[in-house]
Amino acid sequence: MTTTPPVAIGQQFGRLTVQAIRQGKDMSGRMAVCLCACGNEKAVPVRHLARGRFTSCGCGQHPHLYVMNGATLTLTELCAMST
């Protein structure tokens, strides 16, 4: 059985900074509530965060463009507008 490396509040994983750690629902284990550099909040399993499976809320993974009020924006720009 492998052990999950420790994760602490304030620790940074890529663009995510751990804000809180809580117990997940059912058998999902501990969840880390993280704040992404773009301003979005994302809850991810601690075991996945510690093993490098998550490094952002997803804002840097989607090169798609979005049109809003006639302006073409990336997802990162769109997320920045919501903060």
PDB file of N, CA and C in Angstrom:
ATOM      1  N   MET A   1       0.840  -1.179   0.000  1.00  0.00           N
ATOM      2  CA  MET A   1       0.000   0.000   0.000  1.00  0.00           C
ATOM      3  C   MET A   1       0.888   1.247   0.000  1.00  0.00           C
ATOM      4  N   THR A   2       0.635   2.168  -0.916  1.00  0.00           N
ATOM      5  CA  THR A   2       1.421   3.388  -0.983  1.00  0.00           C
ATOM      6  C   THR A   2       0.823   4.441  -0.059  1.00  0.00           C
ATOM      7  N   THR A   3       1.668   5.298   0.460  1.00  0.00           N
ATOM      8  CA  THR A   3       1.193   6.367   1.336  1.00  0.00           C
ATOM      9  C   THR A   3       1.181   7.683   0.569  1.00  0.00           C
ATOM     10  N   THR A   4       0.244   8.535   0.940  1.00  0.00           N
ATOM     11  CA  THR A   4       0.130   9.839   0.311  1.00  0.00           C
ATOM     12  C   THR A   4       1.092  10.807   0.988  1.00  0.00           C
ATOM     13  N   PRO A   5       1.905  11.515   0.203  1.00  0.00           N
ATOM     14  CA  PRO A   5       2.788  12.519   0.808  1.00  0.00           C
ATOM     15  C   PRO A   5       1.965  13.571   1.544  1.00  0.00           C
ATOM     16  N   PRO A   6       2.505  14.172   2.608  1.00  0.00           N
ATOM     17  CA  PRO A   6       1.739  15.161   3.371  1.00  0.00           C
ATOM     18  C   PRO A   6       1.430  16.414   2.550  1.00  0.00           C
ATOM     19  N   VAL A   7       0.260  16.969   2.802  1.00  0.00           N
ATOM     20  CA  VAL A   7      -0.179  18.210   2.158  1.00  0.00           C
ATOM     21  C   VAL A   7      -0.581  19.160   3.269  1.00  0.00           C
ATOM     22  N   ALA A   8      -0.082  20.394   3.228  1.00  0.00           N
ATOM     23  CA  ALA A   8      -0.355  21.370   4.280  1.00  0.00           C
ATOM     24  C   ALA A   8      -1.037  22.610   3.721  1.00  0.00           C
ATOM     25  N   ILE A   9      -1.808  23.277   4.566  1.00  0.00           N
ATOM     26  CA  ILE A   9      -2.445  24.531   4.183  1.00  0.00           C
ATOM     27  C   ILE A   9      -1.350  25.537   3.836  1.00  0.00           C
ATOM     28  N   GLY A  10      -1.521  26.235   2.731  1.00  0.00           N
ATOM     29  CA  GLY A  10      -0.541  27.204   2.261  1.00  0.00           C
ATOM     30  C   GLY A  10       0.442  26.623   1.261  1.00  0.00           C
ATOM     31  N   GLN A  11       0.490  25.303   1.154  1.00  0.00           N
ATOM     32  CA  GLN A  11       1.401  24.646   0.224  1.00  0.00           C
ATOM     33  C   GLN A  11       0.916  24.872  -1.204  1.00  0.00           C
ATOM     34  N   GLN A  12       1.855  25.029  -2.130  1.00  0.00           N
ATOM     35  CA  GLN A  12       1.521  25.303  -3.515  1.00  0.00           C
ATOM     36  C   GLN A  12       1.869  24.117  -4.399  1.00  0.00           C
ATOM     37  N   PHE A  13       0.956  23.814  -5.324  1.00  0.00           N
ATOM     38  CA  PHE A  13       1.131  22.749  -6.308  1.00  0.00           C
ATOM     39  C   PHE A  13       0.823  23.352  -7.667  1.00  0.00           C
ATOM     40  N   GLY A  14       1.856  23.736  -8.395  1.00  0.00           N
ATOM     41  CA  GLY A  14       1.634  24.414  -9.675  1.00  0.00           C
ATOM     42  C   GLY A  14       0.946  25.735  -9.434  1.00  0.00           C
ATOM     43  N   ARG A  15      -0.235  25.908 -10.033  1.00  0.00           N
ATOM     44  CA  ARG A  15      -1.009  27.146  -9.880  1.00  0.00           C
ATOM     45  C   ARG A  15      -1.970  27.090  -8.693  1.00  0.00           C
ATOM     46  N   LEU A  16      -2.048  25.941  -8.008  1.00  0.00           N
ATOM     47  CA  LEU A  16      -2.987  25.756  -6.900  1.00  0.00           C
ATOM     48  C   LEU A  16      -2.310  25.974  -5.549  1.00  0.00           C
ATOM     49  N   THR A  17      -2.974  26.706  -4.657  1.00  0.00           N
ATOM     50  CA  THR A  17      -2.527  26.903  -3.290  1.00  0.00           C
ATOM     51  C   THR A  17      -3.586  26.332  -2.360  1.00  0.00           C
ATOM     52  N   VAL A  18      -3.176  25.459  -1.449  1.00  0.00           N
ATOM     53  CA  VAL A  18      -4.112  24.803  -0.534  1.00  0.00           C
ATOM     54  C   VAL A  18      -4.633  25.823   0.477  1.00  0.00           C
ATOM     55  N   GLN A  19      -5.968  25.956   0.540  1.00  0.00           N
ATOM     56  CA  GLN A  19      -6.626  26.878   1.468  1.00  0.00           C
ATOM     57  C   GLN A  19      -7.169  26.152   2.692  1.00  0.00           C
ATOM     58  N   ALA A  20      -7.630  24.908   2.496  1.00  0.00           N
ATOM     59  CA  ALA A  20      -8.213  24.120   3.595  1.00  0.00           C
ATOM     60  C   ALA A  20      -8.173  22.645   3.214  1.00  0.00           C
ATOM     61  N   ILE A  21      -8.240  21.787   4.216  1.00  0.00           N
ATOM     62  CA  ILE A  21      -8.315  20.346   3.988  1.00  0.00           C
ATOM     63  C   ILE A  21      -9.515  19.841   4.776  1.00  0.00           C
ATOM     64  N   ARG A  22     -10.394  19.088   4.099  1.00  0.00           N
ATOM     65  CA  ARG A  22     -11.596  18.589   4.761  1.00  0.00           C
ATOM     66  C   ARG A  22     -11.841  17.141   4.360  1.00  0.00           C
ATOM     67  N   GLN A  23     -12.694  16.492   5.105  1.00  0.00           N
ATOM     68  CA  GLN A  23     -13.053  15.114   4.801  1.00  0.00           C
ATOM     69  C   GLN A  23     -14.033  15.104   3.642  1.00  0.00           C
ATOM     70  N   GLY A  24     -13.782  14.262   2.639  1.00  0.00           N
ATOM     71  CA  GLY A  24     -14.679  14.153   1.492  1.00  0.00           C
ATOM     72  C   GLY A  24     -15.918  13.346   1.823  1.00  0.00           C
ATOM     73  N   LYS A  25     -16.860  13.345   0.917  1.00  0.00           N
ATOM     74  CA  LYS A  25     -18.093  12.580   1.092  1.00  0.00           C
ATOM     75  C   LYS A  25     -17.812  11.101   0.872  1.00  0.00           C
ATOM     76  N   ASP A  26     -18.534  10.270   1.576  1.00  0.00           N
ATOM     77  CA  ASP A  26     -18.439   8.810   1.441  1.00  0.00           C
ATOM     78  C   ASP A  26     -16.999   8.328   1.597  1.00  0.00           C
ATOM     79  N   MET A  27     -16.498   7.618   0.611  1.00  0.00           N
ATOM     80  CA  MET A  27     -15.162   7.014   0.672  1.00  0.00           C
ATOM     81  C   MET A  27     -14.130   7.798  -0.148  1.00  0.00           C
ATOM     82  N   SER A  28     -14.423   9.037  -0.477  1.00  0.00           N
ATOM     83  CA  SER A  28     -13.520   9.795  -1.343  1.00  0.00           C
ATOM     84  C   SER A  28     -12.245  10.249  -0.640  1.00  0.00           C
ATOM     85  N   GLY A  29     -12.163  10.132   0.683  1.00  0.00           N
ATOM     86  CA  GLY A  29     -10.957  10.528   1.403  1.00  0.00           C
ATOM     87  C   GLY A  29     -10.904  12.024   1.637  1.00  0.00           C
ATOM     88  N   ARG A  30      -9.732  12.490   2.025  1.00  0.00           N
ATOM     89  CA  ARG A  30      -9.555  13.918   2.313  1.00  0.00           C
ATOM     90  C   ARG A  30      -9.515  14.726   1.020  1.00  0.00           C
ATOM     91  N   MET A  31     -10.104  15.928   1.092  1.00  0.00           N
ATOM     92  CA  MET A  31     -10.133  16.838  -0.054  1.00  0.00           C
ATOM     93  C   MET A  31      -9.384  18.118   0.309  1.00  0.00           C
ATOM     94  N   ALA A  32      -8.629  18.631  -0.638  1.00  0.00           N
ATOM     95  CA  ALA A  32      -7.941  19.907  -0.467  1.00  0.00           C
ATOM     96  C   ALA A  32      -8.728  20.969  -1.225  1.00  0.00           C
ATOM     97  N   VAL A  33      -9.128  22.012  -0.518  1.00  0.00           N
ATOM     98  CA  VAL A  33      -9.790  23.146  -1.159  1.00  0.00           C
ATOM     99  C   VAL A  33      -8.678  24.102  -1.554  1.00  0.00           C
ATOM    100  N   CYS A  34      -8.524  24.316  -2.860  1.00  0.00           N
ATOM    101  CA  CYS A  34      -7.392  25.089  -3.378  1.00  0.00           C
ATOM    102  C   CYS A  34      -7.861  26.334  -4.108  1.00  0.00           C
ATOM    103  N   LEU A  35      -7.032  27.346  -4.080  1.00  0.00           N
ATOM    104  CA  LEU A  35      -7.259  28.567  -4.840  1.00  0.00           C
ATOM    105  C   LEU A  35      -6.271  28.571  -5.994  1.00  0.00           C
ATOM    106  N   CYS A  36      -6.802  28.693  -7.210  1.00  0.00           N
ATOM    107  CA  CYS A  36      -5.944  28.721  -8.402  1.00  0.00           C
ATOM    108  C   CYS A  36      -5.420  30.145  -8.608  1.00  0.00           C
ATOM    109  N   ALA A  37      -4.316  30.273  -9.302  1.00  0.00           N
ATOM    110  CA  ALA A  37      -3.733  31.585  -9.586  1.00  0.00           C
ATOM    111  C   ALA A  37      -4.695  32.462 -10.392  1.00  0.00           C
ATOM    112  N   CYS A  38      -5.631  31.846 -11.133  1.00  0.00           N
ATOM    113  CA  CYS A  38      -6.595  32.620 -11.920  1.00  0.00           C
ATOM    114  C   CYS A  38      -7.749  33.123 -11.061  1.00  0.00           C
ATOM    115  N   GLY A  39      -7.838  32.640  -9.780  1.00  0.00           N
ATOM    116  CA  GLY A  39      -8.878  33.099  -8.875  1.00  0.00           C
ATOM    117  C   GLY A  39      -9.974  32.084  -8.616  1.00  0.00           C
ATOM    118  N   ASN A  40     -10.026  31.010  -9.388  1.00  0.00           N
ATOM    119  CA  ASN A  40     -11.047  29.974  -9.178  1.00  0.00           C
ATOM    120  C   ASN A  40     -10.687  29.104  -7.991  1.00  0.00           C
ATOM    121  N   GLU A  41     -11.720  28.584  -7.340  1.00  0.00           N
ATOM    122  CA  GLU A  41     -11.526  27.654  -6.239  1.00  0.00           C
ATOM    123  C   GLU A  41     -11.849  26.256  -6.747  1.00  0.00           C
ATOM    124  N   LYS A  42     -11.049  25.270  -6.338  1.00  0.00           N
ATOM    125  CA  LYS A  42     -11.251  23.896  -6.781  1.00  0.00           C
ATOM    126  C   LYS A  42     -10.952  22.958  -5.628  1.00  0.00           C
ATOM    127  N   ALA A  43     -11.830  21.979  -5.423  1.00  0.00           N
ATOM    128  CA  ALA A  43     -11.611  20.942  -4.409  1.00  0.00           C
ATOM    129  C   ALA A  43     -11.100  19.696  -5.123  1.00  0.00           C
ATOM    130  N   VAL A  44      -9.963  19.189  -4.685  1.00  0.00           N
ATOM    131  CA  VAL A  44      -9.366  18.002  -5.306  1.00  0.00           C
ATOM    132  C   VAL A  44      -8.961  17.010  -4.219  1.00  0.00           C
ATOM    133  N   PRO A  45      -8.988  15.717  -4.530  1.00  0.00           N
ATOM    134  CA  PRO A  45      -8.526  14.733  -3.547  1.00  0.00           C
ATOM    135  C   PRO A  45      -7.064  14.989  -3.178  1.00  0.00           C
ATOM    136  N   VAL A  46      -6.757  14.945  -1.889  1.00  0.00           N
ATOM    137  CA  VAL A  46      -5.394  15.195  -1.415  1.00  0.00           C
ATOM    138  C   VAL A  46      -4.404  14.248  -2.086  1.00  0.00           C
ATOM    139  N   ARG A  47      -4.800  12.988  -2.221  1.00  0.00           N
ATOM    140  CA  ARG A  47      -3.879  12.011  -2.818  1.00  0.00           C
ATOM    141  C   ARG A  47      -3.520  12.368  -4.257  1.00  0.00           C
ATOM    142  N   HIS A  48      -4.464  12.936  -5.012  1.00  0.00           N
ATOM    143  CA  HIS A  48      -4.179  13.324  -6.396  1.00  0.00           C
ATOM    144  C   HIS A  48      -3.318  14.579  -6.453  1.00  0.00           C
ATOM    145  N   LEU A  49      -3.585  15.510  -5.553  1.00  0.00           N
ATOM    146  CA  LEU A  49      -2.808  16.747  -5.498  1.00  0.00           C
ATOM    147  C   LEU A  49      -1.353  16.439  -5.142  1.00  0.00           C
ATOM    148  N   ALA A  50      -1.162  15.613  -4.127  1.00  0.00           N
ATOM    149  CA  ALA A  50       0.181  15.286  -3.653  1.00  0.00           C
ATOM    150  C   ALA A  50       0.987  14.508  -4.694  1.00  0.00           C
ATOM    151  N   ARG A  51       0.312  13.772  -5.557  1.00  0.00           N
ATOM    152  CA  ARG A  51       1.008  12.988  -6.579  1.00  0.00           C
ATOM    153  C   ARG A  51       1.134  13.716  -7.909  1.00  0.00           C
ATOM    154  N   GLY A  52       0.722  14.975  -7.947  1.00  0.00           N
ATOM    155  CA  GLY A  52       0.921  15.795  -9.137  1.00  0.00           C
ATOM    156  C   GLY A  52      -0.122  15.656 -10.224  1.00  0.00           C
ATOM    157  N   ARG A  53      -1.266  15.061  -9.919  1.00  0.00           N
ATOM    158  CA  ARG A  53      -2.303  14.883 -10.938  1.00  0.00           C
ATOM    159  C   ARG A  53      -3.064  16.172 -11.211  1.00  0.00           C
ATOM    160  N   PHE A  54      -3.035  17.128 -10.271  1.00  0.00           N
ATOM    161  CA  PHE A  54      -3.683  18.425 -10.457  1.00  0.00           C
ATOM    162  C   PHE A  54      -2.658  19.520 -10.199  1.00  0.00           C
ATOM    163  N   THR A  55      -2.571  20.486 -11.100  1.00  0.00           N
ATOM    164  CA  THR A  55      -1.691  21.640 -10.898  1.00  0.00           C
ATOM    165  C   THR A  55      -2.410  22.955 -11.175  1.00  0.00           C
ATOM    166  N   SER A  56      -3.672  22.886 -11.618  1.00  0.00           N
ATOM    167  CA  SER A  56      -4.476  24.086 -11.849  1.00  0.00           C
ATOM    168  C   SER A  56      -5.949  23.700 -11.786  1.00  0.00           C
ATOM    169  N   CYS A  57      -6.816  24.695 -11.885  1.00  0.00           N
ATOM    170  CA  CYS A  57      -8.256  24.430 -11.884  1.00  0.00           C
ATOM    171  C   CYS A  57      -8.721  23.939 -13.241  1.00  0.00           C
ATOM    172  N   GLY A  58      -7.823  23.982 -14.197  1.00  0.00           N
ATOM    173  CA  GLY A  58      -8.165  23.615 -15.567  1.00  0.00           C
ATOM    174  C   GLY A  58      -8.036  24.796 -16.510  1.00  0.00           C
ATOM    175  N   CYS A  59      -7.773  25.962 -15.954  1.00  0.00           N
ATOM    176  CA  CYS A  59      -7.724  27.183 -16.763  1.00  0.00           C
ATOM    177  C   CYS A  59      -6.607  27.155 -17.805  1.00  0.00           C
ATOM    178  N   GLY A  60      -5.513  26.461 -17.531  1.00  0.00           N
ATOM    179  CA  GLY A  60      -4.408  26.428 -18.484  1.00  0.00           C
ATOM    180  C   GLY A  60      -4.466  25.266 -19.456  1.00  0.00           C
ATOM    181  N   GLN A  61      -5.460  24.394 -19.310  1.00  0.00           N
ATOM    182  CA  GLN A  61      -5.536  23.203 -20.144  1.00  0.00           C
ATOM    183  C   GLN A  61      -6.409  23.379 -21.371  1.00  0.00           C
ATOM    184  N   HIS A  62      -7.182  24.436 -21.415  1.00  0.00           N
ATOM    185  CA  HIS A  62      -8.136  24.604 -22.508  1.00  0.00           C
ATOM    186  C   HIS A  62      -7.757  25.792 -23.383  1.00  0.00           C
ATOM    187  N   PRO A  63      -7.152  25.541 -24.524  1.00  0.00           N
ATOM    188  CA  PRO A  63      -6.774  26.651 -25.391  1.00  0.00           C
ATOM    189  C   PRO A  63      -7.952  27.206 -26.183  1.00  0.00           C
ATOM    190  N   HIS A  64      -9.173  26.730 -25.889  1.00  0.00           N
ATOM    191  CA  HIS A  64     -10.351  27.172 -26.623  1.00  0.00           C
ATOM    192  C   HIS A  64     -10.579  28.666 -26.422  1.00  0.00           C
ATOM    193  N   LEU A  65     -11.196  29.261 -27.400  1.00  0.00           N
ATOM    194  CA  LEU A  65     -11.511  30.676 -27.313  1.00  0.00           C
ATOM    195  C   LEU A  65     -13.007  30.842 -27.083  1.00  0.00           C
ATOM    196  N   TYR A  66     -13.367  31.862 -26.323  1.00  0.00           N
ATOM    197  CA  TYR A  66     -14.757  32.147 -26.003  1.00  0.00           C
ATOM    198  C   TYR A  66     -15.069  33.566 -26.463  1.00  0.00           C
ATOM    199  N   VAL A  67     -16.263  33.748 -26.967  1.00  0.00           N
ATOM    200  CA  VAL A  67     -16.681  35.072 -27.408  1.00  0.00           C
ATOM    201  C   VAL A  67     -17.671  35.611 -26.386  1.00  0.00           C
ATOM    202  N   MET A  68     -17.351  36.804 -25.876  1.00  0.00           N
ATOM    203  CA  MET A  68     -18.210  37.439 -24.881  1.00  0.00           C
ATOM    204  C   MET A  68     -18.324  38.916 -25.214  1.00  0.00           C
ATOM    205  N   ASN A  69     -19.525  39.362 -25.484  1.00  0.00           N
ATOM    206  CA  ASN A  69     -19.772  40.768 -25.848  1.00  0.00           C
ATOM    207  C   ASN A  69     -18.895  41.207 -27.022  1.00  0.00           C
ATOM    208  N   GLY A  70     -18.709  40.315 -27.962  1.00  0.00           N
ATOM    209  CA  GLY A  70     -17.943  40.644 -29.155  1.00  0.00           C
ATOM    210  C   GLY A  70     -16.437  40.503 -29.010  1.00  0.00           C
ATOM    211  N   ALA A  71     -15.956  40.214 -27.800  1.00  0.00           N
ATOM    212  CA  ALA A  71     -14.511  40.059 -27.573  1.00  0.00           C
ATOM    213  C   ALA A  71     -14.161  38.578 -27.524  1.00  0.00           C
ATOM    214  N   THR A  72     -13.033  38.197 -28.094  1.00  0.00           N
ATOM    215  CA  THR A  72     -12.558  36.818 -28.064  1.00  0.00           C
ATOM    216  C   THR A  72     -11.603  36.656 -26.889  1.00  0.00           C
ATOM    217  N   LEU A  73     -11.912  35.698 -25.998  1.00  0.00           N
ATOM    218  CA  LEU A  73     -11.139  35.513 -24.771  1.00  0.00           C
ATOM    219  C   LEU A  73     -10.711  34.059 -24.624  1.00  0.00           C
ATOM    220  N   THR A  74      -9.566  33.839 -23.976  1.00  0.00           N
ATOM    221  CA  THR A  74      -9.178  32.488 -23.580  1.00  0.00           C
ATOM    222  C   THR A  74      -9.883  32.188 -22.259  1.00  0.00           C
ATOM    223  N   LEU A  75      -9.863  30.931 -21.834  1.00  0.00           N
ATOM    224  CA  LEU A  75     -10.506  30.571 -20.571  1.00  0.00           C
ATOM    225  C   LEU A  75      -9.837  31.299 -19.408  1.00  0.00           C
ATOM    226  N   THR A  76      -8.522  31.446 -19.449  1.00  0.00           N
ATOM    227  CA  THR A  76      -7.800  32.146 -18.379  1.00  0.00           C
ATOM    228  C   THR A  76      -8.272  33.598 -18.271  1.00  0.00           C
ATOM    229  N   GLU A  77      -8.437  34.243 -19.412  1.00  0.00           N
ATOM    230  CA  GLU A  77      -8.924  35.642 -19.407  1.00  0.00           C
ATOM    231  C   GLU A  77     -10.360  35.708 -18.893  1.00  0.00           C
ATOM    232  N   LEU A  78     -11.168  34.723 -19.287  1.00  0.00           N
ATOM    233  CA  LEU A  78     -12.548  34.669 -18.836  1.00  0.00           C
ATOM    234  C   LEU A  78     -12.616  34.471 -17.316  1.00  0.00           C
ATOM    235  N   CYS A  79     -11.760  33.585 -16.776  1.00  0.00           N
ATOM    236  CA  CYS A  79     -11.709  33.358 -15.331  1.00  0.00           C
ATOM    237  C   CYS A  79     -11.268  34.616 -14.604  1.00  0.00           C
ATOM    238  N   ALA A  80     -10.313  35.345 -15.172  1.00  0.00           N
ATOM    239  CA  ALA A  80      -9.796  36.561 -14.535  1.00  0.00           C
ATOM    240  C   ALA A  80     -10.891  37.627 -14.432  1.00  0.00           C
ATOM    241  N   MET A  81     -11.816  37.629 -15.372  1.00  0.00           N
ATOM    242  CA  MET A  81     -12.894  38.613 -15.347  1.00  0.00           C
ATOM    243  C   MET A  81     -13.887  38.339 -14.222  1.00  0.00           C
ATOM    244  N   SER A  82     -13.983  37.070 -13.788  1.00  0.00           N
ATOM    245  CA  SER A  82     -14.958  36.727 -12.761  1.00  0.00           C
ATOM    246  C   SER A  82     -14.465  37.029 -11.356  1.00  0.00           C
ATOM    247  N   THR A  83     -13.205  37.437 -11.204  1.00  0.00           N
ATOM    248  CA  THR A  83     -12.677  37.732  -9.864  1.00  0.00           C
ATOM    249  C   THR A  83     -12.710  39.202  -9.580  1.00  0.00           C
TER     250      THR A  83
END
